[in-house]
Amino acid sequence: MKVTLIAGSNRANATSTYLLKYIESLLKNQHISVALIDLSELQLPLFSPDNWDFHPNVQRVLEAIAEGDGLILATPEYHGSISGALKNALDYITQGQVAGKAVLSVSSAGGPLGVSSLSHLQTIVRNLHGINCSEWISIGYGSNTFGPDGAPLDQGMRDRVRDAVNSFMDLTRKLSVSAAAAN
């Protein structure tokens, strides 16, 4: 089992990236192979449908998505939507790379919650024929404090993240078994 995580902020020390790294640690504790793509470190050229000769960074992202059994996408919420960096990365993806895979959406907002960005992210996933997890993770102002080990300081937040990740992994396993049986 392998999960690809994409940190969709191009900001150093982004809360959404901290949250995704915490999720990475939860998955690794379950002995799940993880590929983490941090768009603040692996910058991508602006997508153009006129150029299908992809930059090596784009190829790395696409390979990680293709190799993953599931996908977790994390974004900050900017003006009620996802980050431009994540949207640009998702524009490179084709339906065949995500179709039938479980996807967990994660957002961090400066306000109470990042619901608009999560709704937009789930719409994009549906258009790529991915399977949205019934759970999502949204943290807002005041709940985005992390300890030195990367874990959220709020116990309720840790519980919500753990439960959402477990729900995502259950879905990922079921879809992987179904895909294997179909082949």
N, C-alpha and C. Protein backbone atom coordinates (compact mmCIF):
# COMPACT_ATOMS: atom_id res chain seq x y z
N MET A 1 0.85 -1.16 0.00
CA MET A 1 0.00 0.00 0.00
C MET A 1 0.90 1.23 0.00
N LYS A 2 0.59 2.17 -0.91
CA LYS A 2 1.37 3.40 -0.99
C LYS A 2 0.42 4.58 -1.14
N VAL A 3 0.70 5.65 -0.42
CA VAL A 3 -0.12 6.86 -0.45
C VAL A 3 0.76 8.03 -0.88
N THR A 4 0.25 8.82 -1.80
CA THR A 4 0.94 10.03 -2.24
C THR A 4 0.29 11.23 -1.58
N LEU A 5 1.12 12.07 -0.99
CA LEU A 5 0.66 13.28 -0.31
C LEU A 5 1.21 14.48 -1.06
N ILE A 6 0.36 15.46 -1.34
CA ILE A 6 0.81 16.68 -2.01
C ILE A 6 0.50 17.87 -1.11
N ALA A 7 1.57 18.54 -0.67
CA ALA A 7 1.45 19.77 0.12
C ALA A 7 1.34 20.92 -0.87
N GLY A 8 0.17 21.53 -0.92
CA GLY A 8 -0.15 22.48 -1.98
C GLY A 8 0.15 23.93 -1.70
N SER A 9 0.96 24.23 -0.72
CA SER A 9 1.34 25.62 -0.47
C SER A 9 2.74 25.86 -0.99
N ASN A 10 2.98 27.06 -1.50
CA ASN A 10 4.35 27.39 -1.88
C ASN A 10 4.98 28.31 -0.83
N ARG A 11 4.40 28.29 0.36
CA ARG A 11 4.89 29.09 1.48
C ARG A 11 5.70 28.20 2.42
N ALA A 12 6.87 28.68 2.82
CA ALA A 12 7.66 27.96 3.81
C ALA A 12 6.90 27.95 5.13
N ASN A 13 6.94 26.84 5.82
CA ASN A 13 6.30 26.69 7.13
C ASN A 13 4.79 26.87 7.08
N ALA A 14 4.15 26.45 6.02
CA ALA A 14 2.70 26.55 5.89
C ALA A 14 2.01 25.59 6.85
N THR A 15 0.93 26.04 7.46
CA THR A 15 0.18 25.20 8.38
C THR A 15 -0.35 23.95 7.69
N SER A 16 -0.82 24.10 6.45
CA SER A 16 -1.33 22.94 5.73
C SER A 16 -0.23 21.90 5.50
N THR A 17 0.99 22.35 5.32
CA THR A 17 2.11 21.42 5.14
C THR A 17 2.47 20.75 6.46
N TYR A 18 2.45 21.51 7.57
CA TYR A 18 2.67 20.89 8.88
C TYR A 18 1.64 19.79 9.13
N LEU A 19 0.39 20.10 8.82
CA LEU A 19 -0.67 19.11 9.02
C LEU A 19 -0.43 17.87 8.16
N LEU A 20 -0.01 18.07 6.91
CA LEU A 20 0.24 16.94 6.02
C LEU A 20 1.43 16.11 6.52
N LYS A 21 2.44 16.76 7.06
CA LYS A 21 3.59 16.01 7.60
C LYS A 21 3.18 15.21 8.83
N TYR A 22 2.25 15.74 9.60
CA TYR A 22 1.72 14.97 10.72
C TYR A 22 0.97 13.74 10.21
N ILE A 23 0.18 13.92 9.17
CA ILE A 23 -0.53 12.79 8.56
C ILE A 23 0.47 11.77 8.02
N GLU A 24 1.54 12.24 7.43
CA GLU A 24 2.60 11.35 6.96
C GLU A 24 3.11 10.48 8.10
N SER A 25 3.33 11.08 9.27
CA SER A 25 3.84 10.30 10.42
C SER A 25 2.81 9.27 10.87
N LEU A 26 1.51 9.61 10.83
CA LEU A 26 0.48 8.64 11.19
C LEU A 26 0.50 7.44 10.24
N LEU A 27 0.64 7.72 8.95
CA LEU A 27 0.67 6.64 7.95
C LEU A 27 1.91 5.77 8.12
N LYS A 28 3.04 6.39 8.34
CA LYS A 28 4.28 5.62 8.53
C LYS A 28 4.20 4.74 9.77
N ASN A 29 3.52 5.23 10.81
CA ASN A 29 3.34 4.41 12.02
C ASN A 29 2.49 3.18 11.74
N GLN A 30 1.68 3.24 10.67
CA GLN A 30 0.87 2.09 10.26
C GLN A 30 1.60 1.26 9.20
N HIS A 31 2.88 1.56 8.97
CA HIS A 31 3.73 0.85 8.00
C HIS A 31 3.20 1.01 6.57
N ILE A 32 2.72 2.19 6.27
CA ILE A 32 2.24 2.50 4.93
C ILE A 32 3.32 3.32 4.23
N SER A 33 3.65 2.93 3.02
CA SER A 33 4.64 3.65 2.23
C SER A 33 4.05 4.99 1.80
N VAL A 34 4.86 6.05 1.92
CA VAL A 34 4.39 7.40 1.65
C VAL A 34 5.35 8.12 0.72
N ALA A 35 4.78 8.84 -0.25
CA ALA A 35 5.55 9.75 -1.09
C ALA A 35 4.99 11.14 -0.83
N LEU A 36 5.82 12.03 -0.28
CA LEU A 36 5.39 13.40 0.02
C LEU A 36 5.97 14.35 -1.00
N ILE A 37 5.09 15.08 -1.68
CA ILE A 37 5.49 16.12 -2.63
C ILE A 37 5.16 17.45 -1.97
N ASP A 38 6.17 18.26 -1.72
CA ASP A 38 5.99 19.58 -1.11
C ASP A 38 6.21 20.62 -2.20
N LEU A 39 5.13 21.28 -2.62
CA LEU A 39 5.22 22.22 -3.74
C LEU A 39 6.00 23.49 -3.39
N SER A 40 6.32 23.71 -2.11
CA SER A 40 7.20 24.83 -1.78
C SER A 40 8.65 24.49 -2.09
N GLU A 41 8.95 23.20 -2.17
CA GLU A 41 10.30 22.74 -2.48
C GLU A 41 10.43 22.27 -3.92
N LEU A 42 9.37 21.71 -4.46
CA LEU A 42 9.38 21.17 -5.82
C LEU A 42 8.47 22.04 -6.68
N GLN A 43 8.99 23.14 -7.14
CA GLN A 43 8.16 24.08 -7.88
C GLN A 43 7.96 23.60 -9.31
N LEU A 44 6.76 23.89 -9.81
CA LEU A 44 6.36 23.44 -11.14
C LEU A 44 6.15 24.64 -12.06
N PRO A 45 6.52 24.49 -13.33
CA PRO A 45 6.21 25.57 -14.27
C PRO A 45 4.70 25.68 -14.46
N LEU A 46 4.27 26.84 -14.90
CA LEU A 46 2.85 27.07 -15.14
C LEU A 46 2.35 26.11 -16.22
N PHE A 47 1.25 25.42 -15.94
CA PHE A 47 0.69 24.46 -16.88
C PHE A 47 0.24 25.15 -18.15
N SER A 48 0.51 24.52 -19.29
CA SER A 48 -0.01 24.95 -20.57
C SER A 48 -0.41 23.72 -21.36
N PRO A 49 -1.66 23.67 -21.85
CA PRO A 49 -2.07 22.50 -22.65
C PRO A 49 -1.35 22.42 -23.99
N ASP A 50 -0.57 23.44 -24.32
CA ASP A 50 0.19 23.42 -25.56
C ASP A 50 1.54 22.72 -25.41
N ASN A 51 1.93 22.40 -24.17
CA ASN A 51 3.24 21.80 -23.94
C ASN A 51 3.09 20.51 -23.13
N TRP A 52 3.24 19.38 -23.79
CA TRP A 52 3.15 18.09 -23.11
C TRP A 52 4.52 17.46 -22.93
N ASP A 53 5.59 18.24 -23.14
CA ASP A 53 6.95 17.81 -22.85
C ASP A 53 7.27 18.33 -21.46
N PHE A 54 6.94 17.52 -20.44
CA PHE A 54 6.91 18.01 -19.08
C PHE A 54 8.29 18.16 -18.44
N HIS A 55 8.39 19.19 -17.65
CA HIS A 55 9.56 19.48 -16.80
C HIS A 55 9.79 18.28 -15.88
N PRO A 56 11.04 17.97 -15.51
CA PRO A 56 11.32 16.84 -14.61
C PRO A 56 10.54 16.90 -13.29
N ASN A 57 10.31 18.09 -12.74
CA ASN A 57 9.54 18.19 -11.50
C ASN A 57 8.10 17.74 -11.71
N VAL A 58 7.54 18.07 -12.86
CA VAL A 58 6.17 17.64 -13.18
C VAL A 58 6.14 16.13 -13.33
N GLN A 59 7.12 15.57 -14.01
CA GLN A 59 7.19 14.12 -14.18
C GLN A 59 7.26 13.42 -12.82
N ARG A 60 8.00 14.01 -11.89
CA ARG A 60 8.11 13.42 -10.55
C ARG A 60 6.75 13.38 -9.85
N VAL A 61 6.00 14.47 -9.95
CA VAL A 61 4.66 14.53 -9.35
C VAL A 61 3.75 13.50 -9.99
N LEU A 62 3.74 13.43 -11.30
CA LEU A 62 2.86 12.50 -12.01
C LEU A 62 3.21 11.04 -11.70
N GLU A 63 4.48 10.74 -11.59
CA GLU A 63 4.90 9.37 -11.24
C GLU A 63 4.45 9.02 -9.82
N ALA A 64 4.59 9.96 -8.90
CA ALA A 64 4.17 9.70 -7.51
C ALA A 64 2.67 9.45 -7.44
N ILE A 65 1.90 10.19 -8.20
CA ILE A 65 0.45 10.00 -8.22
C ILE A 65 0.10 8.65 -8.84
N ALA A 66 0.75 8.31 -9.94
CA ALA A 66 0.48 7.04 -10.61
C ALA A 66 0.83 5.85 -9.72
N GLU A 67 1.90 5.96 -8.93
CA GLU A 67 2.34 4.86 -8.08
C GLU A 67 1.51 4.72 -6.81
N GLY A 68 0.79 5.77 -6.44
CA GLY A 68 0.03 5.74 -5.19
C GLY A 68 -1.28 4.99 -5.33
N ASP A 69 -1.65 4.28 -4.26
CA ASP A 69 -2.97 3.64 -4.19
C ASP A 69 -4.02 4.64 -3.74
N GLY A 70 -3.59 5.69 -3.06
CA GLY A 70 -4.47 6.75 -2.59
C GLY A 70 -3.73 8.06 -2.63
N LEU A 71 -4.47 9.15 -2.49
CA LEU A 71 -3.91 10.48 -2.64
C LEU A 71 -4.47 11.39 -1.55
N ILE A 72 -3.59 12.15 -0.90
CA ILE A 72 -4.02 13.15 0.07
C ILE A 72 -3.52 14.50 -0.41
N LEU A 73 -4.45 15.43 -0.55
CA LEU A 73 -4.16 16.76 -1.07
C LEU A 73 -4.37 17.78 0.04
N ALA A 74 -3.36 18.59 0.32
CA ALA A 74 -3.47 19.62 1.36
C ALA A 74 -3.28 20.99 0.74
N THR A 75 -4.12 21.94 1.16
CA THR A 75 -4.05 23.29 0.64
C THR A 75 -4.34 24.32 1.71
N PRO A 76 -3.71 25.49 1.62
CA PRO A 76 -4.21 26.60 2.40
C PRO A 76 -5.46 27.13 1.68
N GLU A 77 -6.30 27.85 2.40
CA GLU A 77 -7.45 28.46 1.73
C GLU A 77 -7.11 29.91 1.42
N TYR A 78 -7.12 30.24 0.13
CA TYR A 78 -6.86 31.59 -0.34
C TYR A 78 -8.10 32.12 -1.03
N HIS A 79 -8.67 33.18 -0.52
CA HIS A 79 -9.84 33.82 -1.13
C HIS A 79 -10.96 32.83 -1.42
N GLY A 80 -11.18 31.90 -0.50
CA GLY A 80 -12.27 30.95 -0.63
C GLY A 80 -12.01 29.81 -1.59
N SER A 81 -10.75 29.55 -1.92
CA SER A 81 -10.44 28.45 -2.84
C SER A 81 -9.09 27.85 -2.48
N ILE A 82 -8.62 26.95 -3.35
CA ILE A 82 -7.34 26.29 -3.14
C ILE A 82 -6.20 27.19 -3.60
N SER A 83 -5.00 26.85 -3.22
CA SER A 83 -3.83 27.63 -3.61
C SER A 83 -3.57 27.51 -5.11
N GLY A 84 -2.98 28.54 -5.68
CA GLY A 84 -2.60 28.51 -7.09
C GLY A 84 -1.58 27.43 -7.37
N ALA A 85 -0.67 27.20 -6.41
CA ALA A 85 0.37 26.17 -6.60
C ALA A 85 -0.27 24.79 -6.74
N LEU A 86 -1.25 24.48 -5.89
CA LEU A 86 -1.91 23.17 -5.98
C LEU A 86 -2.76 23.07 -7.24
N LYS A 87 -3.48 24.13 -7.56
CA LYS A 87 -4.32 24.11 -8.78
C LYS A 87 -3.44 23.88 -10.00
N ASN A 88 -2.29 24.53 -10.05
CA ASN A 88 -1.37 24.34 -11.17
C ASN A 88 -0.92 22.88 -11.25
N ALA A 89 -0.56 22.28 -10.11
CA ALA A 89 -0.14 20.88 -10.10
C ALA A 89 -1.26 19.97 -10.57
N LEU A 90 -2.48 20.23 -10.11
CA LEU A 90 -3.62 19.38 -10.49
C LEU A 90 -3.96 19.51 -11.97
N ASP A 91 -3.66 20.65 -12.57
CA ASP A 91 -3.92 20.83 -14.00
C ASP A 91 -3.09 19.89 -14.86
N TYR A 92 -1.97 19.44 -14.37
CA TYR A 92 -1.13 18.50 -15.11
C TYR A 92 -1.69 17.06 -15.10
N ILE A 93 -2.54 16.77 -14.15
CA ILE A 93 -3.02 15.41 -13.94
C ILE A 93 -4.13 15.07 -14.93
N THR A 94 -4.10 13.83 -15.41
CA THR A 94 -5.18 13.35 -16.28
C THR A 94 -6.09 12.42 -15.48
N GLN A 95 -7.27 12.20 -16.01
CA GLN A 95 -8.25 11.36 -15.33
C GLN A 95 -7.70 9.97 -15.05
N GLY A 96 -6.95 9.40 -15.97
CA GLY A 96 -6.44 8.05 -15.81
C GLY A 96 -5.50 7.88 -14.63
N GLN A 97 -4.89 8.97 -14.17
CA GLN A 97 -3.94 8.88 -13.05
C GLN A 97 -4.64 8.86 -11.69
N VAL A 98 -5.88 9.33 -11.63
CA VAL A 98 -6.59 9.43 -10.36
C VAL A 98 -7.85 8.57 -10.33
N ALA A 99 -8.35 8.20 -11.48
CA ALA A 99 -9.62 7.47 -11.56
C ALA A 99 -9.64 6.25 -10.65
N GLY A 100 -10.69 6.17 -9.83
CA GLY A 100 -10.88 5.02 -8.95
C GLY A 100 -10.04 5.02 -7.69
N LYS A 101 -9.22 6.05 -7.47
CA LYS A 101 -8.38 6.10 -6.27
C LYS A 101 -9.07 6.93 -5.19
N ALA A 102 -8.84 6.54 -3.95
CA ALA A 102 -9.34 7.31 -2.81
C ALA A 102 -8.53 8.60 -2.68
N VAL A 103 -9.25 9.68 -2.35
CA VAL A 103 -8.60 10.98 -2.17
C VAL A 103 -9.13 11.63 -0.89
N LEU A 104 -8.21 12.05 -0.04
CA LEU A 104 -8.56 12.79 1.18
C LEU A 104 -8.14 14.24 0.98
N SER A 105 -9.08 15.16 1.25
CA SER A 105 -8.82 16.59 1.12
C SER A 105 -8.55 17.21 2.49
N VAL A 106 -7.54 18.07 2.54
CA VAL A 106 -7.09 18.71 3.77
C VAL A 106 -6.92 20.20 3.51
N SER A 107 -7.40 21.03 4.45
CA SER A 107 -7.29 22.48 4.28
C SER A 107 -6.94 23.17 5.58
N SER A 108 -6.24 24.27 5.45
CA SER A 108 -5.92 25.14 6.57
C SER A 108 -6.33 26.56 6.18
N ALA A 109 -7.13 27.19 7.04
CA ALA A 109 -7.63 28.52 6.72
C ALA A 109 -7.24 29.52 7.81
N GLY A 110 -7.13 30.77 7.42
CA GLY A 110 -6.86 31.82 8.38
C GLY A 110 -8.08 32.18 9.21
N GLY A 111 -9.25 31.77 8.74
CA GLY A 111 -10.50 32.01 9.45
C GLY A 111 -10.94 30.77 10.21
N PRO A 112 -12.25 30.63 10.44
CA PRO A 112 -12.74 29.49 11.23
C PRO A 112 -12.48 28.13 10.59
N LEU A 113 -12.77 27.97 9.31
CA LEU A 113 -12.59 26.69 8.63
C LEU A 113 -12.34 26.92 7.14
N GLY A 114 -11.75 25.91 6.48
CA GLY A 114 -11.47 26.00 5.05
C GLY A 114 -12.46 25.22 4.22
N VAL A 115 -13.75 25.39 4.45
CA VAL A 115 -14.76 24.59 3.77
C VAL A 115 -14.83 24.88 2.27
N SER A 116 -14.68 26.14 1.87
CA SER A 116 -14.75 26.46 0.45
C SER A 116 -13.63 25.80 -0.34
N SER A 117 -12.41 25.82 0.21
CA SER A 117 -11.30 25.18 -0.49
C SER A 117 -11.52 23.68 -0.58
N LEU A 118 -12.08 23.08 0.47
CA LEU A 118 -12.35 21.64 0.45
C LEU A 118 -13.40 21.30 -0.59
N SER A 119 -14.43 22.11 -0.70
CA SER A 119 -15.47 21.88 -1.72
C SER A 119 -14.88 21.98 -3.12
N HIS A 120 -14.04 22.98 -3.34
CA HIS A 120 -13.40 23.12 -4.66
C HIS A 120 -12.49 21.93 -4.95
N LEU A 121 -11.74 21.52 -3.95
CA LEU A 121 -10.83 20.38 -4.12
C LEU A 121 -11.61 19.12 -4.45
N GLN A 122 -12.72 18.89 -3.77
CA GLN A 122 -13.51 17.69 -4.05
C GLN A 122 -14.16 17.74 -5.43
N THR A 123 -14.50 18.91 -5.90
CA THR A 123 -15.03 19.05 -7.26
C THR A 123 -13.96 18.66 -8.28
N ILE A 124 -12.74 19.11 -8.07
CA ILE A 124 -11.64 18.76 -8.98
C ILE A 124 -11.41 17.26 -8.96
N VAL A 125 -11.43 16.66 -7.78
CA VAL A 125 -11.23 15.21 -7.66
C VAL A 125 -12.32 14.47 -8.44
N ARG A 126 -13.57 14.90 -8.31
CA ARG A 126 -14.67 14.25 -9.06
C ARG A 126 -14.44 14.36 -10.56
N ASN A 127 -13.95 15.51 -11.01
CA ASN A 127 -13.69 15.69 -12.44
C ASN A 127 -12.53 14.83 -12.93
N LEU A 128 -11.66 14.43 -12.02
CA LEU A 128 -10.56 13.51 -12.36
C LEU A 128 -10.95 12.05 -12.13
N HIS A 129 -12.21 11.83 -11.75
CA HIS A 129 -12.77 10.50 -11.50
C HIS A 129 -12.16 9.81 -10.29
N GLY A 130 -11.63 10.62 -9.36
CA GLY A 130 -11.17 10.08 -8.09
C GLY A 130 -12.37 9.86 -7.18
N ILE A 131 -12.15 9.12 -6.10
CA ILE A 131 -13.21 8.83 -5.13
C ILE A 131 -12.92 9.64 -3.86
N ASN A 132 -13.74 10.67 -3.63
CA ASN A 132 -13.56 11.48 -2.44
C ASN A 132 -13.86 10.68 -1.19
N CYS A 133 -12.98 10.77 -0.21
CA CYS A 133 -13.22 10.19 1.10
C CYS A 133 -14.41 10.91 1.72
N SER A 134 -15.23 10.20 2.47
CA SER A 134 -16.39 10.83 3.10
C SER A 134 -15.98 11.81 4.19
N GLU A 135 -14.77 11.73 4.66
CA GLU A 135 -14.22 12.66 5.65
C GLU A 135 -13.32 13.66 4.95
N TRP A 136 -13.13 14.79 5.60
CA TRP A 136 -12.11 15.75 5.18
C TRP A 136 -11.56 16.39 6.42
N ILE A 137 -10.46 17.09 6.29
CA ILE A 137 -9.84 17.73 7.44
C ILE A 137 -9.71 19.22 7.16
N SER A 138 -10.23 20.01 8.06
CA SER A 138 -10.12 21.46 7.95
C SER A 138 -9.70 22.01 9.30
N ILE A 139 -8.65 22.80 9.28
CA ILE A 139 -8.26 23.48 10.50
C ILE A 139 -8.32 24.97 10.24
N GLY A 140 -8.70 25.70 11.25
CA GLY A 140 -8.81 27.15 11.12
C GLY A 140 -8.00 27.86 12.18
N TYR A 141 -8.16 29.13 12.20
CA TYR A 141 -7.44 29.99 13.13
C TYR A 141 -7.60 29.49 14.56
N GLY A 142 -6.50 29.35 15.27
CA GLY A 142 -6.54 28.92 16.65
C GLY A 142 -6.32 27.43 16.83
N SER A 143 -6.58 26.63 15.79
CA SER A 143 -6.38 25.18 15.92
C SER A 143 -5.15 24.72 15.16
N ASN A 144 -4.36 25.68 14.73
CA ASN A 144 -3.23 25.34 13.87
C ASN A 144 -1.88 25.49 14.58
N THR A 145 -1.84 25.13 15.84
CA THR A 145 -0.60 25.17 16.59
C THR A 145 -0.05 23.74 16.71
N PHE A 146 1.22 23.61 16.37
CA PHE A 146 1.85 22.29 16.33
C PHE A 146 3.01 22.24 17.31
N GLY A 147 3.20 21.07 17.90
CA GLY A 147 4.30 20.87 18.84
C GLY A 147 5.60 20.61 18.11
N PRO A 148 6.70 20.47 18.87
CA PRO A 148 8.01 20.24 18.27
C PRO A 148 8.09 18.92 17.49
N ASP A 149 7.20 17.96 17.81
CA ASP A 149 7.18 16.69 17.09
C ASP A 149 6.29 16.76 15.84
N GLY A 150 5.69 17.93 15.59
CA GLY A 150 4.83 18.09 14.42
C GLY A 150 3.38 17.78 14.66
N ALA A 151 3.04 17.26 15.83
CA ALA A 151 1.65 16.91 16.12
C ALA A 151 0.86 18.15 16.54
N PRO A 152 -0.41 18.23 16.13
CA PRO A 152 -1.25 19.33 16.62
C PRO A 152 -1.30 19.29 18.15
N LEU A 153 -1.26 20.45 18.78
CA LEU A 153 -1.29 20.50 20.23
C LEU A 153 -2.67 20.18 20.79
N ASP A 154 -3.69 20.44 20.02
CA ASP A 154 -5.07 20.21 20.45
C ASP A 154 -5.43 18.72 20.31
N GLN A 155 -5.81 18.09 21.41
CA GLN A 155 -6.16 16.66 21.38
C GLN A 155 -7.34 16.39 20.47
N GLY A 156 -8.34 17.26 20.49
CA GLY A 156 -9.49 17.08 19.60
C GLY A 156 -9.08 17.08 18.14
N MET A 157 -8.15 17.95 17.80
CA MET A 157 -7.65 18.00 16.41
C MET A 157 -6.91 16.71 16.08
N ARG A 158 -6.07 16.23 16.98
CA ARG A 158 -5.36 14.97 16.72
C ARG A 158 -6.35 13.83 16.52
N ASP A 159 -7.41 13.79 17.31
CA ASP A 159 -8.43 12.74 17.18
C ASP A 159 -9.14 12.84 15.83
N ARG A 160 -9.51 14.07 15.44
CA ARG A 160 -10.21 14.24 14.15
C ARG A 160 -9.32 13.84 12.98
N VAL A 161 -8.06 14.22 13.04
CA VAL A 161 -7.12 13.86 11.96
C VAL A 161 -6.95 12.35 11.91
N ARG A 162 -6.73 11.73 13.06
CA ARG A 162 -6.58 10.27 13.12
C ARG A 162 -7.81 9.57 12.53
N ASP A 163 -9.00 9.99 12.92
CA ASP A 163 -10.23 9.36 12.43
C ASP A 163 -10.39 9.54 10.93
N ALA A 164 -10.09 10.73 10.42
CA ALA A 164 -10.21 10.97 8.98
C ALA A 164 -9.19 10.13 8.21
N VAL A 165 -7.97 10.04 8.71
CA VAL A 165 -6.94 9.23 8.05
C VAL A 165 -7.34 7.76 8.06
N ASN A 166 -7.88 7.28 9.17
CA ASN A 166 -8.32 5.89 9.23
C ASN A 166 -9.46 5.62 8.24
N SER A 167 -10.40 6.54 8.14
CA SER A 167 -11.49 6.40 7.17
C SER A 167 -10.94 6.37 5.74
N PHE A 168 -9.99 7.27 5.46
CA PHE A 168 -9.34 7.31 4.14
C PHE A 168 -8.63 5.99 3.85
N MET A 169 -7.90 5.46 4.82
CA MET A 169 -7.17 4.22 4.58
C MET A 169 -8.12 3.04 4.39
N ASP A 170 -9.24 3.01 5.10
CA ASP A 170 -10.24 1.96 4.88
C ASP A 170 -10.75 2.01 3.43
N LEU A 171 -11.06 3.22 2.97
CA LEU A 171 -11.53 3.38 1.59
C LEU A 171 -10.45 2.99 0.60
N THR A 172 -9.22 3.40 0.85
CA THR A 172 -8.10 3.08 -0.05
C THR A 172 -7.92 1.57 -0.16
N ARG A 173 -7.97 0.87 0.96
CA ARG A 173 -7.83 -0.59 0.95
C ARG A 173 -8.96 -1.25 0.16
N LYS A 174 -10.18 -0.82 0.38
CA LYS A 174 -11.33 -1.40 -0.32
C LYS A 174 -11.22 -1.18 -1.83
N LEU A 175 -10.82 0.04 -2.23
CA LEU A 175 -10.71 0.32 -3.65
C LEU A 175 -9.54 -0.44 -4.28
N SER A 176 -8.46 -0.62 -3.53
CA SER A 176 -7.31 -1.38 -4.03
C SER A 176 -7.66 -2.84 -4.25
N VAL A 177 -8.43 -3.41 -3.32
CA VAL A 177 -8.87 -4.81 -3.46
C VAL A 177 -9.80 -4.94 -4.67
N SER A 178 -10.71 -3.98 -4.83
CA SER A 178 -11.62 -4.00 -5.97
C SER A 178 -10.88 -3.90 -7.29
N ALA A 179 -9.87 -3.01 -7.34
CA ALA A 179 -9.09 -2.83 -8.56
C ALA A 179 -8.31 -4.09 -8.89
N ALA A 180 -7.74 -4.73 -7.86
CA ALA A 180 -6.98 -5.97 -8.08
C ALA A 180 -7.88 -7.08 -8.56
N ALA A 181 -9.09 -7.16 -8.00
CA ALA A 181 -10.03 -8.21 -8.41
C ALA A 181 -10.50 -8.00 -9.86
N ALA A 182 -10.59 -6.73 -10.28
CA ALA A 182 -11.05 -6.43 -11.64
C ALA A 182 -9.98 -6.78 -12.67
N ASN A 183 -8.72 -6.75 -12.24
CA ASN A 183 -7.63 -7.08 -13.18
C ASN A 183 -7.39 -8.53 -13.14
